[in-house]
Amino acid sequence: MIGMVSAYYEDEPLNQWLDVGIVVYKQDKWHRGIGKLALKQWIDELFENTSLPHIGLTTWSGNYRMIGLAESLELKKEAEIRQVRFWKNQYWDSVKYGVLRSEWIK
């Protein structure tokens, strides 16, 4: 297995606010476009099988690859919550990206 995609509702039990995630496990598989292809197909699938108007993605400011991936798929930066993520003895920002159905399905 190369990796996985995920989706979870931020607002259970309403299930109207969906965030997605992705992980590519092995570093030798990074920088090959696998993550971009998988995330694009996953967002396509989610918009096709839900009636949700928005799909989001949350990461942290030190995750440069995820930020680059979100921006390469033209997700919009919607929020940045400063210094709330703590990793390796340092605070980082939480960064939220999202896309509307009307923007994605053109």
PDB file of N, CA and C in Angstrom:
ATOM      1  N   MET A   1       0.842  -1.170   0.000  1.00  0.00           N
ATOM      2  CA  MET A   1       0.000   0.000   0.000  1.00  0.00           C
ATOM      3  C   MET A   1       0.895   1.243   0.000  1.00  0.00           C
ATOM      4  N   ILE A   2       0.585   2.174  -0.880  1.00  0.00           N
ATOM      5  CA  ILE A   2       1.370   3.401  -1.021  1.00  0.00           C
ATOM      6  C   ILE A   2       0.934   4.451  -0.011  1.00  0.00           C
ATOM      7  N   GLY A   3      -0.370   4.551   0.231  1.00  0.00           N
ATOM      8  CA  GLY A   3      -0.892   5.565   1.135  1.00  0.00           C
ATOM      9  C   GLY A   3      -2.388   5.432   1.278  1.00  0.00           C
ATOM     10  N   MET A   4      -3.010   6.508   1.745  1.00  0.00           N
ATOM     11  CA  MET A   4      -4.460   6.492   1.889  1.00  0.00           C
ATOM     12  C   MET A   4      -5.014   7.905   1.872  1.00  0.00           C
ATOM     13  N   VAL A   5      -6.279   7.999   1.530  1.00  0.00           N
ATOM     14  CA  VAL A   5      -7.030   9.242   1.641  1.00  0.00           C
ATOM     15  C   VAL A   5      -8.068   9.039   2.731  1.00  0.00           C
ATOM     16  N   SER A   6      -8.516  10.132   3.310  1.00  0.00           N
ATOM     17  CA  SER A   6      -9.517  10.041   4.368  1.00  0.00           C
ATOM     18  C   SER A   6     -10.474  11.217   4.266  1.00  0.00           C
ATOM     19  N   ALA A   7     -11.595  11.080   4.932  1.00  0.00           N
ATOM     20  CA  ALA A   7     -12.565  12.166   5.049  1.00  0.00           C
ATOM     21  C   ALA A   7     -13.233  12.032   6.404  1.00  0.00           C
ATOM     22  N   TYR A   8     -13.496  13.147   7.020  1.00  0.00           N
ATOM     23  CA  TYR A   8     -14.164  13.125   8.321  1.00  0.00           C
ATOM     24  C   TYR A   8     -14.990  14.396   8.464  1.00  0.00           C
ATOM     25  N   TYR A   9     -16.080  14.254   9.193  1.00  0.00           N
ATOM     26  CA  TYR A   9     -16.965  15.390   9.437  1.00  0.00           C
ATOM     27  C   TYR A   9     -16.506  16.144  10.676  1.00  0.00           C
ATOM     28  N   GLU A  10     -16.376  17.444  10.527  1.00  0.00           N
ATOM     29  CA  GLU A  10     -16.010  18.320  11.637  1.00  0.00           C
ATOM     30  C   GLU A  10     -17.199  18.582  12.556  1.00  0.00           C
ATOM     31  N   ASP A  11     -18.404  18.319  12.081  1.00  0.00           N
ATOM     32  CA  ASP A  11     -19.607  18.744  12.798  1.00  0.00           C
ATOM     33  C   ASP A  11     -20.570  17.602  13.114  1.00  0.00           C
ATOM     34  N   GLU A  12     -20.035  16.400  13.382  1.00  0.00           N
ATOM     35  CA  GLU A  12     -20.943  15.300  13.715  1.00  0.00           C
ATOM     36  C   GLU A  12     -21.858  15.714  14.865  1.00  0.00           C
ATOM     37  N   PRO A  13     -23.109  15.391  14.849  1.00  0.00           N
ATOM     38  CA  PRO A  13     -23.807  14.465  13.960  1.00  0.00           C
ATOM     39  C   PRO A  13     -24.464  15.131  12.750  1.00  0.00           C
ATOM     40  N   LEU A  14     -24.262  16.427  12.537  1.00  0.00           N
ATOM     41  CA  LEU A  14     -24.905  17.096  11.394  1.00  0.00           C
ATOM     42  C   LEU A  14     -24.369  16.593  10.058  1.00  0.00           C
ATOM     43  N   ASN A  15     -23.068  16.339   9.994  1.00  0.00           N
ATOM     44  CA  ASN A  15     -22.410  15.820   8.785  1.00  0.00           C
ATOM     45  C   ASN A  15     -22.590  16.721   7.566  1.00  0.00           C
ATOM     46  N   GLN A  16     -22.284  17.996   7.778  1.00  0.00           N
ATOM     47  CA  GLN A  16     -22.356  18.969   6.692  1.00  0.00           C
ATOM     48  C   GLN A  16     -21.017  19.668   6.438  1.00  0.00           C
ATOM     49  N   TRP A  17     -20.032  19.431   7.283  1.00  0.00           N
ATOM     50  CA  TRP A  17     -18.724  20.093   7.190  1.00  0.00           C
ATOM     51  C   TRP A  17     -17.662  19.002   7.085  1.00  0.00           C
ATOM     52  N   LEU A  18     -17.197  18.765   5.858  1.00  0.00           N
ATOM     53  CA  LEU A  18     -16.298  17.649   5.570  1.00  0.00           C
ATOM     54  C   LEU A  18     -14.874  18.135   5.326  1.00  0.00           C
ATOM     55  N   ASP A  19     -13.926  17.499   5.974  1.00  0.00           N
ATOM     56  CA  ASP A  19     -12.505  17.736   5.734  1.00  0.00           C
ATOM     57  C   ASP A  19     -11.886  16.453   5.191  1.00  0.00           C
ATOM     58  N   VAL A  20     -10.887  16.616   4.349  1.00  0.00           N
ATOM     59  CA  VAL A  20     -10.196  15.467   3.764  1.00  0.00           C
ATOM     60  C   VAL A  20      -8.743  15.458   4.211  1.00  0.00           C
ATOM     61  N   GLY A  21      -8.132  14.311   4.061  1.00  0.00           N
ATOM     62  CA  GLY A  21      -6.718  14.167   4.359  1.00  0.00           C
ATOM     63  C   GLY A  21      -6.091  13.161   3.416  1.00  0.00           C
ATOM     64  N   ILE A  22      -4.779  13.164   3.386  1.00  0.00           N
ATOM     65  CA  ILE A  22      -4.042  12.227   2.542  1.00  0.00           C
ATOM     66  C   ILE A  22      -2.695  11.959   3.189  1.00  0.00           C
ATOM     67  N   VAL A  23      -2.211  10.742   3.012  1.00  0.00           N
ATOM     68  CA  VAL A  23      -0.859  10.405   3.451  1.00  0.00           C
ATOM     69  C   VAL A  23      -0.253   9.459   2.418  1.00  0.00           C
ATOM     70  N   VAL A  24       0.977   9.752   2.035  1.00  0.00           N
ATOM     71  CA  VAL A  24       1.779   8.834   1.216  1.00  0.00           C
ATOM     72  C   VAL A  24       2.868   8.337   2.158  1.00  0.00           C
ATOM     73  N   TYR A  25       2.848   7.037   2.437  1.00  0.00           N
ATOM     74  CA  TYR A  25       3.672   6.480   3.500  1.00  0.00           C
ATOM     75  C   TYR A  25       5.173   6.531   3.240  1.00  0.00           C
ATOM     76  N   LYS A  26       5.598   6.177   2.070  1.00  0.00           N
ATOM     77  CA  LYS A  26       7.028   6.008   1.813  1.00  0.00           C
ATOM     78  C   LYS A  26       7.611   7.223   1.100  1.00  0.00           C
ATOM     79  N   GLN A  27       8.700   7.733   1.634  1.00  0.00           N
ATOM     80  CA  GLN A  27       9.323   8.922   1.063  1.00  0.00           C
ATOM     81  C   GLN A  27       9.774   8.711  -0.373  1.00  0.00           C
ATOM     82  N   ASP A  28      10.115   7.491  -0.755  1.00  0.00           N
ATOM     83  CA  ASP A  28      10.547   7.265  -2.136  1.00  0.00           C
ATOM     84  C   ASP A  28       9.387   7.383  -3.127  1.00  0.00           C
ATOM     85  N   LYS A  29       8.167   7.531  -2.628  1.00  0.00           N
ATOM     86  CA  LYS A  29       6.993   7.735  -3.489  1.00  0.00           C
ATOM     87  C   LYS A  29       6.574   9.207  -3.536  1.00  0.00           C
ATOM     88  N   TRP A  30       7.235  10.052  -2.737  1.00  0.00           N
ATOM     89  CA  TRP A  30       6.915  11.477  -2.731  1.00  0.00           C
ATOM     90  C   TRP A  30       7.445  12.134  -4.012  1.00  0.00           C
ATOM     91  N   HIS A  31       6.886  13.271  -4.352  1.00  0.00           N
ATOM     92  CA  HIS A  31       7.306  14.090  -5.497  1.00  0.00           C
ATOM     93  C   HIS A  31       7.105  13.377  -6.832  1.00  0.00           C
ATOM     94  N   ARG A  32       6.114  12.522  -6.919  1.00  0.00           N
ATOM     95  CA  ARG A  32       5.813  11.812  -8.166  1.00  0.00           C
ATOM     96  C   ARG A  32       4.417  12.124  -8.684  1.00  0.00           C
ATOM     97  N   GLY A  33       3.697  12.991  -7.985  1.00  0.00           N
ATOM     98  CA  GLY A  33       2.343  13.333  -8.407  1.00  0.00           C
ATOM     99  C   GLY A  33       1.276  12.365  -7.920  1.00  0.00           C
ATOM    100  N   ILE A  34       1.678  11.362  -7.140  1.00  0.00           N
ATOM    101  CA  ILE A  34       0.725  10.367  -6.647  1.00  0.00           C
ATOM    102  C   ILE A  34      -0.293  11.021  -5.713  1.00  0.00           C
ATOM    103  N   GLY A  35       0.188  11.841  -4.794  1.00  0.00           N
ATOM    104  CA  GLY A  35      -0.700  12.511  -3.848  1.00  0.00           C
ATOM    105  C   GLY A  35      -1.675  13.441  -4.535  1.00  0.00           C
ATOM    106  N   LYS A  36      -1.186  14.185  -5.519  1.00  0.00           N
ATOM    107  CA  LYS A  36      -2.057  15.111  -6.236  1.00  0.00           C
ATOM    108  C   LYS A  36      -3.150  14.354  -6.980  1.00  0.00           C
ATOM    109  N   LEU A  37      -2.781  13.304  -7.662  1.00  0.00           N
ATOM    110  CA  LEU A  37      -3.759  12.503  -8.394  1.00  0.00           C
ATOM    111  C   LEU A  37      -4.778  11.885  -7.435  1.00  0.00           C
ATOM    112  N   ALA A  38      -4.295  11.328  -6.335  1.00  0.00           N
ATOM    113  CA  ALA A  38      -5.194  10.684  -5.369  1.00  0.00           C
ATOM    114  C   ALA A  38      -6.151  11.685  -4.737  1.00  0.00           C
ATOM    115  N   LEU A  39      -5.640  12.852  -4.336  1.00  0.00           N
ATOM    116  CA  LEU A  39      -6.506  13.841  -3.694  1.00  0.00           C
ATOM    117  C   LEU A  39      -7.518  14.408  -4.677  1.00  0.00           C
ATOM    118  N   LYS A  40      -7.095  14.648  -5.908  1.00  0.00           N
ATOM    119  CA  LYS A  40      -8.036  15.128  -6.926  1.00  0.00           C
ATOM    120  C   LYS A  40      -9.155  14.114  -7.141  1.00  0.00           C
ATOM    121  N   GLN A  41      -8.805  12.857  -7.295  1.00  0.00           N
ATOM    122  CA  GLN A  41      -9.823  11.821  -7.499  1.00  0.00           C
ATOM    123  C   GLN A  41     -10.728  11.688  -6.278  1.00  0.00           C
ATOM    124  N   TRP A  42     -10.171  11.847  -5.092  1.00  0.00           N
ATOM    125  CA  TRP A  42     -10.945  11.736  -3.866  1.00  0.00           C
ATOM    126  C   TRP A  42     -11.954  12.880  -3.760  1.00  0.00           C
ATOM    127  N   ILE A  43     -11.521  14.099  -4.057  1.00  0.00           N
ATOM    128  CA  ILE A  43     -12.448  15.235  -4.018  1.00  0.00           C
ATOM    129  C   ILE A  43     -13.520  15.070  -5.089  1.00  0.00           C
ATOM    130  N   ASP A  44     -13.137  14.615  -6.290  1.00  0.00           N
ATOM    131  CA  ASP A  44     -14.133  14.308  -7.335  1.00  0.00           C
ATOM    132  C   ASP A  44     -15.182  13.340  -6.795  1.00  0.00           C
ATOM    133  N   GLU A  45     -14.715  12.265  -6.190  1.00  0.00           N
ATOM    134  CA  GLU A  45     -15.603  11.219  -5.654  1.00  0.00           C
ATOM    135  C   GLU A  45     -16.535  11.772  -4.576  1.00  0.00           C
ATOM    136  N   LEU A  46     -15.996  12.575  -3.687  1.00  0.00           N
ATOM    137  CA  LEU A  46     -16.810  13.121  -2.600  1.00  0.00           C
ATOM    138  C   LEU A  46     -17.870  14.085  -3.115  1.00  0.00           C
ATOM    139  N   PHE A  47     -17.516  14.941  -4.064  1.00  0.00           N
ATOM    140  CA  PHE A  47     -18.525  15.839  -4.625  1.00  0.00           C
ATOM    141  C   PHE A  47     -19.571  15.056  -5.416  1.00  0.00           C
ATOM    142  N   GLU A  48     -19.151  13.978  -6.070  1.00  0.00           N
ATOM    143  CA  GLU A  48     -20.085  13.165  -6.846  1.00  0.00           C
ATOM    144  C   GLU A  48     -21.077  12.429  -5.949  1.00  0.00           C
ATOM    145  N   ASN A  49     -20.647  12.037  -4.765  1.00  0.00           N
ATOM    146  CA  ASN A  49     -21.479  11.189  -3.912  1.00  0.00           C
ATOM    147  C   ASN A  49     -22.056  11.877  -2.680  1.00  0.00           C
ATOM    148  N   THR A  50     -21.887  13.192  -2.594  1.00  0.00           N
ATOM    149  CA  THR A  50     -22.530  13.969  -1.529  1.00  0.00           C
ATOM    150  C   THR A  50     -23.172  15.190  -2.172  1.00  0.00           C
ATOM    151  N   SER A  51     -23.976  15.880  -1.405  1.00  0.00           N
ATOM    152  CA  SER A  51     -24.559  17.138  -1.885  1.00  0.00           C
ATOM    153  C   SER A  51     -23.899  18.337  -1.210  1.00  0.00           C
ATOM    154  N   LEU A  52     -22.759  18.116  -0.586  1.00  0.00           N
ATOM    155  CA  LEU A  52     -22.089  19.177   0.159  1.00  0.00           C
ATOM    156  C   LEU A  52     -21.608  20.298  -0.762  1.00  0.00           C
ATOM    157  N   PRO A  53     -21.723  21.550  -0.310  1.00  0.00           N
ATOM    158  CA  PRO A  53     -21.248  22.669  -1.120  1.00  0.00           C
ATOM    159  C   PRO A  53     -19.758  22.957  -0.951  1.00  0.00           C
ATOM    160  N   HIS A  54     -19.105  22.351   0.062  1.00  0.00           N
ATOM    161  CA  HIS A  54     -17.726  22.701   0.414  1.00  0.00           C
ATOM    162  C   HIS A  54     -16.987  21.464   0.910  1.00  0.00           C
ATOM    163  N   ILE A  55     -15.728  21.352   0.530  1.00  0.00           N
ATOM    164  CA  ILE A  55     -14.831  20.339   1.086  1.00  0.00           C
ATOM    165  C   ILE A  55     -13.568  21.055   1.541  1.00  0.00           C
ATOM    166  N   GLY A  56     -13.116  20.731   2.738  1.00  0.00           N
ATOM    167  CA  GLY A  56     -11.964  21.404   3.318  1.00  0.00           C
ATOM    168  C   GLY A  56     -10.790  20.477   3.560  1.00  0.00           C
ATOM    169  N   LEU A  57      -9.683  21.086   3.889  1.00  0.00           N
ATOM    170  CA  LEU A  57      -8.435  20.386   4.199  1.00  0.00           C
ATOM    171  C   LEU A  57      -7.719  21.223   5.250  1.00  0.00           C
ATOM    172  N   THR A  58      -7.266  20.604   6.310  1.00  0.00           N
ATOM    173  CA  THR A  58      -6.558  21.316   7.374  1.00  0.00           C
ATOM    174  C   THR A  58      -5.160  20.732   7.523  1.00  0.00           C
ATOM    175  N   THR A  59      -4.172  21.607   7.612  1.00  0.00           N
ATOM    176  CA  THR A  59      -2.791  21.182   7.817  1.00  0.00           C
ATOM    177  C   THR A  59      -2.117  22.171   8.763  1.00  0.00           C
ATOM    178  N   TRP A  60      -0.822  22.097   8.852  1.00  0.00           N
ATOM    179  CA  TRP A  60      -0.077  23.033   9.691  1.00  0.00           C
ATOM    180  C   TRP A  60       1.000  23.713   8.852  1.00  0.00           C
ATOM    181  N   SER A  61       1.423  24.884   9.304  1.00  0.00           N
ATOM    182  CA  SER A  61       2.286  25.743   8.483  1.00  0.00           C
ATOM    183  C   SER A  61       3.649  25.143   8.174  1.00  0.00           C
ATOM    184  N   GLY A  62       4.070  24.122   8.875  1.00  0.00           N
ATOM    185  CA  GLY A  62       5.335  23.461   8.573  1.00  0.00           C
ATOM    186  C   GLY A  62       5.213  22.334   7.568  1.00  0.00           C
ATOM    187  N   ASN A  63       4.001  22.018   7.158  1.00  0.00           N
ATOM    188  CA  ASN A  63       3.775  20.933   6.200  1.00  0.00           C
ATOM    189  C   ASN A  63       3.752  21.524   4.788  1.00  0.00           C
ATOM    190  N   TYR A  64       4.923  21.859   4.300  1.00  0.00           N
ATOM    191  CA  TYR A  64       5.053  22.568   3.028  1.00  0.00           C
ATOM    192  C   TYR A  64       4.531  21.754   1.851  1.00  0.00           C
ATOM    193  N   ARG A  65       4.685  20.450   1.889  1.00  0.00           N
ATOM    194  CA  ARG A  65       4.186  19.613   0.783  1.00  0.00           C
ATOM    195  C   ARG A  65       2.664  19.638   0.718  1.00  0.00           C
ATOM    196  N   MET A  66       1.992  19.573   1.874  1.00  0.00           N
ATOM    197  CA  MET A  66       0.531  19.596   1.869  1.00  0.00           C
ATOM    198  C   MET A  66       0.012  20.961   1.435  1.00  0.00           C
ATOM    199  N   ILE A  67       0.669  22.011   1.865  1.00  0.00           N
ATOM    200  CA  ILE A  67       0.280  23.353   1.434  1.00  0.00           C
ATOM    201  C   ILE A  67       0.446  23.472  -0.076  1.00  0.00           C
ATOM    202  N   GLY A  68       1.562  23.000  -0.601  1.00  0.00           N
ATOM    203  CA  GLY A  68       1.788  23.030  -2.046  1.00  0.00           C
ATOM    204  C   GLY A  68       0.766  22.205  -2.801  1.00  0.00           C
ATOM    205  N   LEU A  69       0.409  21.050  -2.249  1.00  0.00           N
ATOM    206  CA  LEU A  69      -0.598  20.197  -2.882  1.00  0.00           C
ATOM    207  C   LEU A  69      -1.947  20.897  -2.919  1.00  0.00           C
ATOM    208  N   ALA A  70      -2.370  21.463  -1.799  1.00  0.00           N
ATOM    209  CA  ALA A  70      -3.654  22.169  -1.752  1.00  0.00           C
ATOM    210  C   ALA A  70      -3.680  23.308  -2.770  1.00  0.00           C
ATOM    211  N   GLU A  71      -2.618  24.077  -2.825  1.00  0.00           N
ATOM    212  CA  GLU A  71      -2.571  25.214  -3.744  1.00  0.00           C
ATOM    213  C   GLU A  71      -2.482  24.758  -5.195  1.00  0.00           C
ATOM    214  N   SER A  72      -1.816  23.637  -5.462  1.00  0.00           N
ATOM    215  CA  SER A  72      -1.730  23.138  -6.841  1.00  0.00           C
ATOM    216  C   SER A  72      -3.089  22.662  -7.352  1.00  0.00           C
ATOM    217  N   LEU A  73      -3.965  22.256  -6.436  1.00  0.00           N
ATOM    218  CA  LEU A  73      -5.324  21.854  -6.815  1.00  0.00           C
ATOM    219  C   LEU A  73      -6.298  23.031  -6.768  1.00  0.00           C
ATOM    220  N   GLU A  74      -5.762  24.223  -6.518  1.00  0.00           N
ATOM    221  CA  GLU A  74      -6.522  25.470  -6.494  1.00  0.00           C
ATOM    222  C   GLU A  74      -7.535  25.539  -5.362  1.00  0.00           C
ATOM    223  N   LEU A  75      -7.239  24.850  -4.250  1.00  0.00           N
ATOM    224  CA  LEU A  75      -8.026  25.061  -3.051  1.00  0.00           C
ATOM    225  C   LEU A  75      -7.663  26.439  -2.516  1.00  0.00           C
ATOM    226  N   LYS A  76      -8.618  27.111  -1.936  1.00  0.00           N
ATOM    227  CA  LYS A  76      -8.402  28.466  -1.420  1.00  0.00           C
ATOM    228  C   LYS A  76      -7.976  28.409   0.042  1.00  0.00           C
ATOM    229  N   LYS A  77      -7.005  29.234   0.388  1.00  0.00           N
ATOM    230  CA  LYS A  77      -6.641  29.369   1.798  1.00  0.00           C
ATOM    231  C   LYS A  77      -7.758  30.152   2.476  1.00  0.00           C
ATOM    232  N   GLU A  78      -8.406  29.523   3.442  1.00  0.00           N
ATOM    233  CA  GLU A  78      -9.586  30.120   4.066  1.00  0.00           C
ATOM    234  C   GLU A  78      -9.324  30.638   5.475  1.00  0.00           C
ATOM    235  N   ALA A  79      -8.326  30.097   6.143  1.00  0.00           N
ATOM    236  CA  ALA A  79      -8.048  30.542   7.514  1.00  0.00           C
ATOM    237  C   ALA A  79      -6.642  30.127   7.927  1.00  0.00           C
ATOM    238  N   GLU A  80      -6.090  30.900   8.826  1.00  0.00           N
ATOM    239  CA  GLU A  80      -4.815  30.554   9.452  1.00  0.00           C
ATOM    240  C   GLU A  80      -4.927  30.930  10.922  1.00  0.00           C
ATOM    241  N   ILE A  81      -4.882  29.930  11.776  1.00  0.00           N
ATOM    242  CA  ILE A  81      -4.979  30.143  13.208  1.00  0.00           C
ATOM    243  C   ILE A  81      -3.561  30.052  13.756  1.00  0.00           C
ATOM    244  N   ARG A  82      -3.082  31.155  14.256  1.00  0.00           N
ATOM    245  CA  ARG A  82      -1.665  31.279  14.581  1.00  0.00           C
ATOM    246  C   ARG A  82      -1.270  30.557  15.867  1.00  0.00           C
ATOM    247  N   GLN A  83      -0.148  29.873  15.764  1.00  0.00           N
ATOM    248  CA  GLN A  83       0.563  29.250  16.881  1.00  0.00           C
ATOM    249  C   GLN A  83      -0.330  28.378  17.768  1.00  0.00           C
ATOM    250  N   VAL A  84      -1.059  27.469  17.132  1.00  0.00           N
ATOM    251  CA  VAL A  84      -1.899  26.533  17.896  1.00  0.00           C
ATOM    252  C   VAL A  84      -1.460  25.081  17.745  1.00  0.00           C
ATOM    253  N   ARG A  85      -0.575  24.803  16.805  1.00  0.00           N
ATOM    254  CA  ARG A  85      -0.068  23.438  16.608  1.00  0.00           C
ATOM    255  C   ARG A  85       1.337  23.372  17.192  1.00  0.00           C
ATOM    256  N   PHE A  86       1.585  22.389  18.031  1.00  0.00           N
ATOM    257  CA  PHE A  86       2.883  22.266  18.697  1.00  0.00           C
ATOM    258  C   PHE A  86       3.561  20.984  18.242  1.00  0.00           C
ATOM    259  N   TRP A  87       4.761  21.124  17.682  1.00  0.00           N
ATOM    260  CA  TRP A  87       5.504  19.970  17.189  1.00  0.00           C
ATOM    261  C   TRP A  87       6.993  20.263  17.266  1.00  0.00           C
ATOM    262  N   LYS A  88       7.738  19.309  17.770  1.00  0.00           N
ATOM    263  CA  LYS A  88       9.194  19.435  17.929  1.00  0.00           C
ATOM    264  C   LYS A  88       9.570  20.714  18.675  1.00  0.00           C
ATOM    265  N   ASN A  89       8.880  20.917  19.784  1.00  0.00           N
ATOM    266  CA  ASN A  89       9.172  22.031  20.682  1.00  0.00           C
ATOM    267  C   ASN A  89       8.979  23.404  20.049  1.00  0.00           C
ATOM    268  N   GLN A  90       8.076  23.486  19.086  1.00  0.00           N
ATOM    269  CA  GLN A  90       7.824  24.749  18.390  1.00  0.00           C
ATOM    270  C   GLN A  90       6.337  24.865  18.075  1.00  0.00           C
ATOM    271  N   TYR A  91       5.815  26.076  18.144  1.00  0.00           N
ATOM    272  CA  TYR A  91       4.436  26.335  17.747  1.00  0.00           C
ATOM    273  C   TYR A  91       4.368  26.636  16.252  1.00  0.00           C
ATOM    274  N   TRP A  92       3.321  26.114  15.625  1.00  0.00           N
ATOM    275  CA  TRP A  92       3.065  26.324  14.203  1.00  0.00           C
ATOM    276  C   TRP A  92       1.622  26.777  14.043  1.00  0.00           C
ATOM    277  N   ASP A  93       1.317  27.355  12.898  1.00  0.00           N
ATOM    278  CA  ASP A  93      -0.054  27.770  12.607  1.00  0.00           C
ATOM    279  C   ASP A  93      -0.856  26.599  12.054  1.00  0.00           C
ATOM    280  N   SER A  94      -2.141  26.584  12.342  1.00  0.00           N
ATOM    281  CA  SER A  94      -3.064  25.666  11.679  1.00  0.00           C
ATOM    282  C   SER A  94      -3.575  26.389  10.436  1.00  0.00           C
ATOM    283  N   VAL A  95      -3.545  25.718   9.302  1.00  0.00           N
ATOM    284  CA  VAL A  95      -3.915  26.343   8.029  1.00  0.00           C
ATOM    285  C   VAL A  95      -5.064  25.558   7.411  1.00  0.00           C
ATOM    286  N   LYS A  96      -6.123  26.279   7.048  1.00  0.00           N
ATOM    287  CA  LYS A  96      -7.307  25.644   6.476  1.00  0.00           C
ATOM    288  C   LYS A  96      -7.465  26.065   5.020  1.00  0.00           C
ATOM    289  N   TYR A  97      -7.682  25.071   4.175  1.00  0.00           N
ATOM    290  CA  TYR A  97      -7.952  25.277   2.758  1.00  0.00           C
ATOM    291  C   TYR A  97      -9.322  24.702   2.450  1.00  0.00           C
ATOM    292  N   GLY A  98      -9.933  25.176   1.375  1.00  0.00           N
ATOM    293  CA  GLY A  98     -11.222  24.622   0.983  1.00  0.00           C
ATOM    294  C   GLY A  98     -11.552  24.940  -0.452  1.00  0.00           C
ATOM    295  N   VAL A  99     -12.557  24.230  -0.936  1.00  0.00           N
ATOM    296  CA  VAL A  99     -13.042  24.453  -2.293  1.00  0.00           C
ATOM    297  C   VAL A  99     -14.554  24.272  -2.289  1.00  0.00           C
ATOM    298  N   LEU A 100     -15.226  25.126  -3.026  1.00  0.00           N
ATOM    299  CA  LEU A 100     -16.671  25.011  -3.196  1.00  0.00           C
ATOM    300  C   LEU A 100     -16.978  24.105  -4.376  1.00  0.00           C
ATOM    301  N   ARG A 101     -18.100  23.431  -4.306  1.00  0.00           N
ATOM    302  CA  ARG A 101     -18.551  22.587  -5.414  1.00  0.00           C
ATOM    303  C   ARG A 101     -18.554  23.385  -6.721  1.00  0.00           C
ATOM    304  N   SER A 102     -19.053  24.628  -6.662  1.00  0.00           N
ATOM    305  CA  SER A 102     -19.153  25.454  -7.875  1.00  0.00           C
ATOM    306  C   SER A 102     -17.782  25.806  -8.447  1.00  0.00           C
ATOM    307  N   GLU A 103     -16.752  25.835  -7.626  1.00  0.00           N
ATOM    308  CA  GLU A 103     -15.393  26.094  -8.100  1.00  0.00           C
ATOM    309  C   GLU A 103     -14.747  24.823  -8.651  1.00  0.00           C
ATOM    310  N   TRP A 104     -15.042  23.693  -8.045  1.00  0.00           N
ATOM    311  CA  TRP A 104     -14.401  22.422  -8.401  1.00  0.00           C
ATOM    312  C   TRP A 104     -14.973  21.844  -9.682  1.00  0.00           C
ATOM    313  N   ILE A 105     -16.295  21.841  -9.776  1.00  0.00           N
ATOM    314  CA  ILE A 105     -16.969  21.231 -10.923  1.00  0.00           C
ATOM    315  C   ILE A 105     -17.216  22.329 -11.946  1.00  0.00           C
ATOM    316  N   LYS A 106     -16.352  22.384 -12.930  1.00  0.00           N
ATOM    317  CA  LYS A 106     -16.430  23.452 -13.938  1.00  0.00           C
ATOM    318  C   LYS A 106     -16.826  22.899 -15.280  1.00  0.00           C
TER     319      LYS A 106
END
